[in-house]
């Protein structure tokens, strides 16, 4: 689950220096099935949209139902 940046690698350099859990937030319509990534790209551990929460599990991505009360 990679994020699409602006090509400068600032966040990738920053995120590579931390063991923090990486969470991305976006609208569902911004999600794509595939995104070209480069070796230095740092993937997200989780992405949250208005329709669900996507977690990286092994080699795949699982959507967790979003329950709003």
N, C-alpha and C. Protein backbone atom coordinates (compact mmCIF):
# COMPACT_ATOMS: atom_id res chain seq x y z
N UNK A 1 0.85 -1.17 0.00
CA UNK A 1 0.00 0.00 0.00
C UNK A 1 0.89 1.23 0.00
N UNK A 2 1.23 1.66 -1.16
CA UNK A 2 2.09 2.84 -1.28
C UNK A 2 1.26 4.10 -1.42
N UNK A 3 1.86 5.19 -1.04
CA UNK A 3 1.21 6.49 -1.21
C UNK A 3 1.79 7.14 -2.44
N UNK A 4 1.00 7.98 -3.05
CA UNK A 4 1.45 8.71 -4.24
C UNK A 4 1.86 10.10 -3.78
N UNK A 5 3.12 10.40 -3.92
CA UNK A 5 3.63 11.70 -3.50
C UNK A 5 3.84 12.62 -4.68
N UNK A 6 4.76 13.54 -4.50
CA UNK A 6 5.04 14.52 -5.55
C UNK A 6 6.42 14.31 -6.17
N UNK A 7 7.03 13.15 -5.89
CA UNK A 7 8.26 12.81 -6.57
C UNK A 7 9.55 13.28 -5.94
N UNK A 8 9.50 13.93 -4.79
CA UNK A 8 10.72 14.43 -4.16
C UNK A 8 11.30 13.45 -3.13
N UNK A 9 10.51 12.47 -2.68
CA UNK A 9 11.00 11.47 -1.74
C UNK A 9 11.14 11.95 -0.30
N UNK A 10 10.61 13.14 0.03
CA UNK A 10 10.75 13.68 1.39
C UNK A 10 10.15 12.73 2.42
N UNK A 11 8.89 12.33 2.23
CA UNK A 11 8.24 11.47 3.22
C UNK A 11 8.88 10.08 3.26
N UNK A 12 9.31 9.58 2.12
CA UNK A 12 9.98 8.27 2.12
C UNK A 12 11.26 8.31 2.96
N UNK A 13 12.03 9.36 2.84
CA UNK A 13 13.25 9.49 3.65
C UNK A 13 12.89 9.61 5.13
N UNK A 14 11.87 10.40 5.44
CA UNK A 14 11.44 10.57 6.83
C UNK A 14 10.92 9.25 7.40
N UNK A 15 10.03 8.57 6.66
CA UNK A 15 9.41 7.34 7.16
C UNK A 15 10.40 6.19 7.27
N UNK A 16 11.46 6.21 6.48
CA UNK A 16 12.44 5.12 6.55
C UNK A 16 13.25 5.16 7.84
N UNK A 17 13.21 6.27 8.56
CA UNK A 17 14.00 6.43 9.79
C UNK A 17 13.21 6.09 11.05
N UNK A 18 11.97 5.62 10.90
CA UNK A 18 11.15 5.34 12.07
C UNK A 18 10.52 3.95 11.98
N UNK A 19 10.26 3.36 13.14
CA UNK A 19 9.55 2.09 13.20
C UNK A 19 8.08 2.31 13.49
N UNK A 20 7.62 3.55 13.41
CA UNK A 20 6.23 3.88 13.71
C UNK A 20 5.28 3.18 12.74
N UNK A 21 4.08 2.90 13.21
CA UNK A 21 3.02 2.33 12.38
C UNK A 21 2.57 3.42 11.42
N UNK A 22 2.60 3.14 10.13
CA UNK A 22 2.34 4.16 9.12
C UNK A 22 0.90 4.07 8.63
N UNK A 23 0.11 5.14 8.84
CA UNK A 23 -1.30 5.18 8.48
C UNK A 23 -1.53 6.29 7.47
N UNK A 24 -2.17 5.94 6.36
CA UNK A 24 -2.55 6.92 5.35
C UNK A 24 -4.04 7.17 5.42
N UNK A 25 -4.46 8.38 5.12
CA UNK A 25 -5.87 8.75 5.12
C UNK A 25 -6.19 9.35 3.75
N UNK A 26 -7.24 8.83 3.11
CA UNK A 26 -7.64 9.37 1.80
C UNK A 26 -9.10 9.05 1.56
N UNK A 27 -9.64 9.57 0.47
CA UNK A 27 -10.99 9.23 0.04
C UNK A 27 -10.93 7.93 -0.74
N UNK A 28 -12.00 7.14 -0.67
CA UNK A 28 -12.07 5.86 -1.37
C UNK A 28 -11.78 6.02 -2.87
N UNK A 29 -12.25 7.10 -3.47
CA UNK A 29 -12.05 7.28 -4.91
C UNK A 29 -10.59 7.53 -5.28
N UNK A 30 -9.75 7.77 -4.29
CA UNK A 30 -8.31 7.94 -4.53
C UNK A 30 -7.54 6.63 -4.48
N UNK A 31 -8.21 5.56 -4.07
CA UNK A 31 -7.57 4.25 -3.98
C UNK A 31 -7.47 3.64 -5.38
N UNK A 32 -6.36 2.98 -5.66
CA UNK A 32 -6.16 2.27 -6.93
C UNK A 32 -5.66 0.87 -6.64
N UNK A 33 -5.91 -0.06 -7.57
CA UNK A 33 -5.48 -1.44 -7.37
C UNK A 33 -3.97 -1.60 -7.45
N UNK A 34 -3.36 -0.87 -8.35
CA UNK A 34 -1.91 -0.97 -8.51
C UNK A 34 -1.32 0.42 -8.65
N UNK A 35 -0.14 0.58 -8.11
CA UNK A 35 0.58 1.84 -8.20
C UNK A 35 2.05 1.50 -8.39
N UNK A 36 2.66 2.07 -9.39
CA UNK A 36 4.09 1.80 -9.60
C UNK A 36 4.87 2.31 -8.41
N UNK A 37 5.74 1.47 -7.91
CA UNK A 37 6.55 1.89 -6.77
C UNK A 37 8.02 1.73 -7.12
N UNK A 38 8.82 2.47 -6.41
CA UNK A 38 10.27 2.43 -6.59
C UNK A 38 10.88 1.78 -5.35
N UNK A 39 12.11 1.29 -5.44
CA UNK A 39 12.73 0.60 -4.30
C UNK A 39 12.78 1.42 -3.02
N UNK A 40 12.85 2.74 -3.11
CA UNK A 40 12.94 3.57 -1.91
C UNK A 40 11.56 3.93 -1.33
N UNK A 41 10.46 3.56 -2.02
CA UNK A 41 9.12 3.89 -1.52
C UNK A 41 8.81 3.11 -0.24
N UNK A 42 8.26 3.79 0.73
CA UNK A 42 7.91 3.18 2.02
C UNK A 42 6.40 2.94 2.03
N UNK A 43 5.96 1.66 2.15
CA UNK A 43 4.53 1.37 2.14
C UNK A 43 3.84 1.73 3.45
N UNK A 44 2.56 1.99 3.37
CA UNK A 44 1.73 2.25 4.54
C UNK A 44 1.36 0.91 5.17
N UNK A 45 1.17 0.90 6.48
CA UNK A 45 0.69 -0.30 7.18
C UNK A 45 -0.83 -0.37 7.15
N UNK A 46 -1.46 0.80 7.03
CA UNK A 46 -2.91 0.88 7.05
C UNK A 46 -3.33 2.12 6.27
N UNK A 47 -4.47 2.02 5.57
CA UNK A 47 -5.07 3.17 4.90
C UNK A 47 -6.52 3.25 5.34
N UNK A 48 -6.95 4.45 5.74
CA UNK A 48 -8.32 4.67 6.20
C UNK A 48 -9.03 5.56 5.19
N UNK A 49 -10.22 5.11 4.74
CA UNK A 49 -11.07 5.92 3.87
C UNK A 49 -12.42 6.08 4.54
N UNK A 50 -13.32 6.81 3.89
CA UNK A 50 -14.66 6.98 4.45
C UNK A 50 -15.47 5.69 4.38
N UNK A 51 -15.01 4.71 3.60
CA UNK A 51 -15.75 3.46 3.43
C UNK A 51 -15.11 2.25 4.10
N UNK A 52 -13.90 2.39 4.59
CA UNK A 52 -13.27 1.23 5.21
C UNK A 52 -11.85 1.48 5.65
N UNK A 53 -11.33 0.48 6.32
CA UNK A 53 -9.95 0.49 6.79
C UNK A 53 -9.23 -0.65 6.09
N UNK A 54 -8.12 -0.35 5.46
CA UNK A 54 -7.35 -1.35 4.73
C UNK A 54 -6.06 -1.61 5.49
N UNK A 55 -5.83 -2.89 5.84
CA UNK A 55 -4.62 -3.26 6.57
C UNK A 55 -3.78 -4.20 5.73
N UNK A 56 -2.48 -4.00 5.80
CA UNK A 56 -1.55 -4.88 5.10
C UNK A 56 -1.44 -6.18 5.90
N UNK A 57 -1.66 -7.30 5.24
CA UNK A 57 -1.58 -8.62 5.89
C UNK A 57 -0.72 -9.53 5.02
N UNK A 58 0.46 -9.81 5.45
CA UNK A 58 1.34 -10.66 4.66
C UNK A 58 1.62 -10.04 3.31
N UNK A 59 1.29 -10.76 2.26
CA UNK A 59 1.52 -10.24 0.91
C UNK A 59 0.29 -9.54 0.35
N UNK A 60 -0.84 -9.61 1.04
CA UNK A 60 -2.07 -9.01 0.52
C UNK A 60 -2.56 -7.86 1.37
N UNK A 61 -3.71 -7.35 0.98
CA UNK A 61 -4.35 -6.25 1.70
C UNK A 61 -5.76 -6.67 2.03
N UNK A 62 -6.16 -6.56 3.28
CA UNK A 62 -7.51 -6.91 3.70
C UNK A 62 -8.27 -5.65 4.09
N UNK A 63 -9.54 -5.59 3.67
CA UNK A 63 -10.38 -4.47 4.09
C UNK A 63 -11.13 -4.89 5.34
N UNK A 64 -11.09 -4.03 6.33
CA UNK A 64 -11.81 -4.23 7.58
C UNK A 64 -13.04 -3.35 7.51
N UNK A 65 -14.25 -3.89 7.78
CA UNK A 65 -15.44 -3.05 7.69
C UNK A 65 -15.34 -1.83 8.61
N UNK A 66 -15.81 -0.71 8.11
CA UNK A 66 -15.82 0.53 8.89
C UNK A 66 -17.18 0.64 9.56
N UNK A 67 -17.19 0.69 10.88
CA UNK A 67 -18.44 0.80 11.63
C UNK A 67 -18.44 2.14 12.34
N UNK A 68 -19.40 2.98 11.98
CA UNK A 68 -19.51 4.30 12.59
C UNK A 68 -20.78 4.31 13.42
N UNK A 69 -20.65 4.66 14.69
CA UNK A 69 -21.83 4.71 15.58
C UNK A 69 -22.07 6.12 16.04
